[in-house]
N, C-alpha and C. Protein backbone atom coordinates (compact mmCIF):
# COMPACT_ATOMS: atom_id res chain seq x y z
N UNK A 1 256.77 72.47 207.96
CA UNK A 1 257.46 71.84 206.87
C UNK A 1 256.61 71.97 205.62
N UNK A 2 257.18 72.40 204.53
CA UNK A 2 256.46 72.58 203.28
C UNK A 2 256.96 71.57 202.28
N UNK A 3 256.05 70.94 201.59
CA UNK A 3 256.44 69.99 200.55
C UNK A 3 256.93 70.78 199.34
N UNK A 4 258.07 70.43 198.87
CA UNK A 4 258.60 71.00 197.64
C UNK A 4 258.11 70.11 196.50
N UNK A 5 257.09 70.54 195.80
CA UNK A 5 256.48 69.68 194.79
C UNK A 5 257.46 69.26 193.72
N UNK A 6 258.47 70.06 193.47
CA UNK A 6 259.43 69.65 192.45
C UNK A 6 260.16 68.39 192.87
N UNK A 7 260.23 68.13 194.15
CA UNK A 7 260.88 66.91 194.65
C UNK A 7 259.90 65.75 194.77
N UNK A 8 258.63 66.05 194.87
CA UNK A 8 257.66 64.99 195.08
C UNK A 8 256.93 64.58 193.82
N UNK A 9 257.11 65.29 192.76
CA UNK A 9 256.48 64.88 191.52
C UNK A 9 257.26 63.72 190.94
N UNK A 10 256.65 63.04 190.04
CA UNK A 10 257.34 61.95 189.37
C UNK A 10 257.32 60.64 190.13
N UNK A 11 256.40 60.49 191.10
CA UNK A 11 256.27 59.19 191.73
C UNK A 11 255.86 58.20 190.65
N UNK A 12 256.49 57.06 190.63
CA UNK A 12 256.19 56.04 189.63
C UNK A 12 255.72 54.80 190.36
N UNK A 13 254.50 54.40 190.12
CA UNK A 13 253.91 53.25 190.77
C UNK A 13 253.95 52.07 189.82
N UNK A 14 254.37 50.93 190.31
CA UNK A 14 254.43 49.71 189.51
C UNK A 14 253.73 48.59 190.24
N UNK A 15 253.10 47.70 189.49
CA UNK A 15 252.60 46.45 190.05
C UNK A 15 253.55 45.37 189.57
N UNK A 16 254.06 44.60 190.49
CA UNK A 16 255.05 43.58 190.14
C UNK A 16 254.47 42.19 190.35
N UNK A 17 255.01 41.19 189.66
CA UNK A 17 254.52 39.82 189.84
C UNK A 17 254.72 39.37 191.29
N UNK A 18 254.00 38.32 191.64
CA UNK A 18 254.11 37.78 193.01
C UNK A 18 255.56 37.47 193.33
N UNK A 19 255.93 37.80 194.55
CA UNK A 19 257.28 37.53 195.01
C UNK A 19 257.45 36.04 195.22
N UNK A 20 258.66 35.50 195.06
CA UNK A 20 258.88 34.08 195.30
C UNK A 20 258.40 33.71 196.71
N UNK A 21 257.74 32.59 196.80
CA UNK A 21 257.27 32.13 198.10
C UNK A 21 256.01 32.83 198.57
N UNK A 22 255.35 33.58 197.68
CA UNK A 22 254.15 34.30 198.08
C UNK A 22 253.04 33.32 198.45
N UNK A 23 252.23 33.71 199.39
CA UNK A 23 251.12 32.87 199.82
C UNK A 23 250.11 32.72 198.68
N UNK A 24 249.36 31.62 198.63
CA UNK A 24 248.42 31.42 197.54
C UNK A 24 247.20 32.32 197.60
N UNK A 25 246.95 33.02 198.70
CA UNK A 25 245.82 33.94 198.79
C UNK A 25 246.00 35.07 197.79
N UNK A 26 244.88 35.66 197.33
CA UNK A 26 244.96 36.76 196.37
C UNK A 26 245.64 37.96 197.01
N UNK A 27 246.54 38.57 196.26
CA UNK A 27 247.22 39.78 196.71
C UNK A 27 247.87 40.45 195.52
N UNK A 28 248.16 41.75 195.67
CA UNK A 28 248.87 42.51 194.65
C UNK A 28 250.06 43.19 195.30
N UNK A 29 251.18 43.21 194.59
CA UNK A 29 252.41 43.81 195.08
C UNK A 29 252.65 45.12 194.35
N UNK A 30 252.78 46.21 195.11
CA UNK A 30 253.02 47.53 194.53
C UNK A 30 254.42 47.98 194.90
N UNK A 31 255.08 48.66 193.98
CA UNK A 31 256.35 49.32 194.27
C UNK A 31 256.31 50.70 193.63
N UNK A 32 257.06 51.64 194.20
CA UNK A 32 257.14 52.98 193.64
C UNK A 32 258.51 53.55 193.90
N UNK A 33 258.81 54.61 193.20
CA UNK A 33 260.09 55.30 193.34
C UNK A 33 259.91 56.47 194.30
N UNK A 34 260.77 56.55 195.30
CA UNK A 34 260.74 57.65 196.27
C UNK A 34 261.62 58.78 195.76
N UNK A 35 260.97 59.81 195.15
CA UNK A 35 261.70 60.95 194.62
C UNK A 35 261.68 62.14 195.57
N UNK A 36 261.15 61.95 196.76
CA UNK A 36 261.03 63.05 197.70
C UNK A 36 262.16 63.00 198.72
N UNK A 37 262.42 64.11 199.34
CA UNK A 37 263.49 64.18 200.34
C UNK A 37 262.95 64.54 201.72
N UNK A 38 261.68 64.91 201.81
CA UNK A 38 261.15 65.36 203.10
C UNK A 38 259.77 64.79 203.41
N UNK A 39 259.48 63.61 202.89
CA UNK A 39 258.16 63.03 203.13
C UNK A 39 258.08 62.46 204.55
N UNK A 40 256.86 62.47 205.08
CA UNK A 40 256.59 61.78 206.34
C UNK A 40 256.10 60.36 206.06
N UNK A 41 255.63 60.15 204.84
CA UNK A 41 255.15 58.84 204.44
C UNK A 41 254.46 58.90 203.10
N UNK A 42 253.79 57.80 202.76
CA UNK A 42 253.08 57.69 201.50
C UNK A 42 251.67 57.17 201.75
N UNK A 43 250.71 57.77 201.06
CA UNK A 43 249.33 57.32 201.15
C UNK A 43 249.03 56.53 199.88
N UNK A 44 248.53 55.32 200.05
CA UNK A 44 248.17 54.46 198.93
C UNK A 44 246.66 54.53 198.76
N UNK A 45 246.25 54.80 197.52
CA UNK A 45 244.83 54.91 197.20
C UNK A 45 244.47 53.81 196.21
N UNK A 46 243.22 53.33 196.29
CA UNK A 46 242.80 52.21 195.44
C UNK A 46 241.34 52.37 195.04
N UNK A 47 240.99 51.77 193.90
CA UNK A 47 239.60 51.63 193.50
C UNK A 47 239.43 50.25 192.86
N UNK A 48 238.22 49.74 192.94
CA UNK A 48 237.89 48.51 192.22
C UNK A 48 237.41 48.92 190.85
N UNK A 49 237.96 48.32 189.82
CA UNK A 49 237.59 48.64 188.45
C UNK A 49 238.43 49.78 187.91
N UNK A 50 238.28 50.03 186.62
CA UNK A 50 239.12 51.03 185.95
C UNK A 50 238.54 52.43 185.96
N UNK A 51 237.32 52.59 186.47
CA UNK A 51 236.73 53.92 186.57
C UNK A 51 236.25 54.14 188.00
N UNK A 52 236.03 55.38 188.34
CA UNK A 52 235.55 55.71 189.67
C UNK A 52 236.59 56.45 190.48
N UNK A 53 236.30 56.63 191.74
CA UNK A 53 237.14 57.42 192.64
C UNK A 53 238.12 56.53 193.38
N UNK A 54 239.36 56.97 193.44
CA UNK A 54 240.36 56.29 194.26
C UNK A 54 240.20 56.76 195.69
N UNK A 55 240.25 55.84 196.64
CA UNK A 55 240.12 56.19 198.05
C UNK A 55 241.31 55.64 198.83
N UNK A 56 241.73 56.33 199.87
CA UNK A 56 242.88 55.86 200.66
C UNK A 56 242.59 54.50 201.29
N UNK A 57 243.60 53.60 201.22
CA UNK A 57 243.45 52.30 201.88
C UNK A 57 244.47 52.10 202.99
N UNK A 58 245.63 52.75 202.88
CA UNK A 58 246.66 52.59 203.91
C UNK A 58 247.70 53.69 203.75
N UNK A 59 248.36 54.01 204.86
CA UNK A 59 249.48 54.94 204.87
C UNK A 59 250.70 54.18 205.35
N UNK A 60 251.82 54.36 204.65
CA UNK A 60 253.08 53.73 205.06
C UNK A 60 254.09 54.82 205.38
N UNK A 61 255.13 54.49 206.10
CA UNK A 61 256.11 55.46 206.55
C UNK A 61 257.06 55.95 205.48
N UNK A 62 257.89 56.92 205.90
CA UNK A 62 258.87 57.50 204.98
C UNK A 62 259.87 56.43 204.54
N UNK A 63 260.37 56.61 203.32
CA UNK A 63 261.36 55.74 202.69
C UNK A 63 260.84 54.34 202.39
N UNK A 64 259.57 54.09 202.59
CA UNK A 64 258.97 52.81 202.20
C UNK A 64 258.64 52.91 200.72
N UNK A 65 258.96 51.88 199.94
CA UNK A 65 258.70 51.93 198.49
C UNK A 65 257.99 50.69 197.98
N UNK A 66 257.35 49.95 198.87
CA UNK A 66 256.61 48.76 198.45
C UNK A 66 255.48 48.48 199.43
N UNK A 67 254.45 47.84 198.92
CA UNK A 67 253.31 47.45 199.75
C UNK A 67 252.65 46.24 199.11
N UNK A 68 252.24 45.28 199.90
CA UNK A 68 251.48 44.13 199.43
C UNK A 68 250.05 44.32 199.90
N UNK A 69 249.12 44.36 198.96
CA UNK A 69 247.71 44.51 199.29
C UNK A 69 247.10 43.11 199.43
N UNK A 70 246.86 42.68 200.66
CA UNK A 70 246.32 41.34 200.88
C UNK A 70 244.79 41.29 200.85
N UNK A 71 244.14 42.42 200.55
CA UNK A 71 242.68 42.50 200.64
C UNK A 71 241.99 42.39 199.29
N UNK A 72 242.70 41.97 198.25
CA UNK A 72 242.11 41.87 196.92
C UNK A 72 241.43 40.51 196.72
N UNK A 73 240.58 40.48 195.73
CA UNK A 73 239.91 39.24 195.33
C UNK A 73 240.42 38.84 193.96
N UNK A 74 240.78 37.58 193.80
CA UNK A 74 241.28 37.09 192.52
C UNK A 74 240.25 37.36 191.43
N UNK A 75 240.76 37.83 190.27
CA UNK A 75 239.91 38.07 189.12
C UNK A 75 239.28 39.45 189.05
N UNK A 76 239.36 40.24 190.12
CA UNK A 76 238.80 41.59 190.12
C UNK A 76 239.93 42.58 189.84
N UNK A 77 239.66 43.57 188.99
CA UNK A 77 240.66 44.58 188.66
C UNK A 77 240.68 45.66 189.73
N UNK A 78 241.89 46.03 190.16
CA UNK A 78 242.11 47.09 191.14
C UNK A 78 243.06 48.11 190.54
N UNK A 79 242.83 49.38 190.82
CA UNK A 79 243.70 50.45 190.36
C UNK A 79 244.26 51.19 191.57
N UNK A 80 245.53 51.61 191.48
CA UNK A 80 246.23 52.23 192.61
C UNK A 80 246.94 53.50 192.17
N UNK A 81 247.14 54.39 193.13
CA UNK A 81 248.06 55.51 192.99
C UNK A 81 248.63 55.81 194.36
N UNK A 82 249.76 56.52 194.39
CA UNK A 82 250.47 56.82 195.63
C UNK A 82 250.72 58.32 195.70
N UNK A 83 250.64 58.87 196.91
CA UNK A 83 250.97 60.28 197.16
C UNK A 83 251.94 60.35 198.32
N UNK A 84 252.99 61.14 198.18
CA UNK A 84 253.86 61.45 199.32
C UNK A 84 253.18 62.54 200.14
N UNK A 85 253.44 62.56 201.44
CA UNK A 85 252.86 63.61 202.28
C UNK A 85 253.81 63.97 203.40
N UNK A 86 253.62 65.16 203.95
CA UNK A 86 254.28 65.61 205.18
C UNK A 86 253.35 66.62 205.84
N UNK A 87 253.83 67.31 206.86
CA UNK A 87 252.99 68.25 207.60
C UNK A 87 252.47 69.38 206.72
N UNK A 88 253.13 69.66 205.61
CA UNK A 88 252.72 70.73 204.71
C UNK A 88 251.65 70.32 203.71
N UNK A 89 251.34 69.03 203.61
CA UNK A 89 250.34 68.59 202.65
C UNK A 89 250.79 67.36 201.88
N UNK A 90 250.14 67.15 200.76
CA UNK A 90 250.40 65.96 199.94
C UNK A 90 250.90 66.37 198.56
N UNK A 91 251.65 65.46 197.97
CA UNK A 91 252.15 65.69 196.62
C UNK A 91 251.07 65.41 195.59
N UNK A 92 251.37 65.72 194.36
CA UNK A 92 250.53 65.27 193.26
C UNK A 92 250.58 63.74 193.26
N UNK A 93 249.54 63.09 192.77
CA UNK A 93 249.54 61.63 192.79
C UNK A 93 250.48 61.04 191.73
N UNK A 94 250.84 59.80 191.97
CA UNK A 94 251.60 59.04 190.97
C UNK A 94 250.68 58.73 189.80
N UNK A 95 251.23 58.05 188.82
CA UNK A 95 250.39 57.50 187.76
C UNK A 95 249.45 56.46 188.37
N UNK A 96 248.36 56.16 187.69
CA UNK A 96 247.42 55.13 188.13
C UNK A 96 247.79 53.84 187.40
N UNK A 97 247.88 52.76 188.17
CA UNK A 97 248.20 51.45 187.61
C UNK A 97 247.09 50.48 187.99
N UNK A 98 246.64 49.68 187.01
CA UNK A 98 245.54 48.73 187.25
C UNK A 98 246.01 47.31 186.94
N UNK A 99 245.48 46.36 187.73
CA UNK A 99 245.80 44.95 187.51
C UNK A 99 244.77 44.10 188.23
N UNK A 100 244.58 42.89 187.74
CA UNK A 100 243.66 41.96 188.39
C UNK A 100 244.32 41.31 189.60
N UNK A 101 243.52 41.10 190.65
CA UNK A 101 243.99 40.38 191.81
C UNK A 101 244.37 38.96 191.39
N UNK A 102 245.45 38.46 191.98
CA UNK A 102 245.93 37.12 191.64
C UNK A 102 246.07 36.30 192.88
């Protein structure tokens, strides 16, 4: 299976406010747009702070478009990006979005 990059480009990553009823522990909610048609899943990458290298933190399955990161610390800035992947490789990354843990 080969990734058609024209279908996997344009991933849009968003950080959204806490969902109603969210636990008081620090967490960040990510959502993205699934523009691919043949992904096996999405790899979420993160870094602490606004500079440095993004590293994979979790992989989610195909057609998933949201993730709650429960491993953040309140007051620390985290930056994220998402990549679609399949057996042929990975897409270009989404935009990078940064926000403080809440």
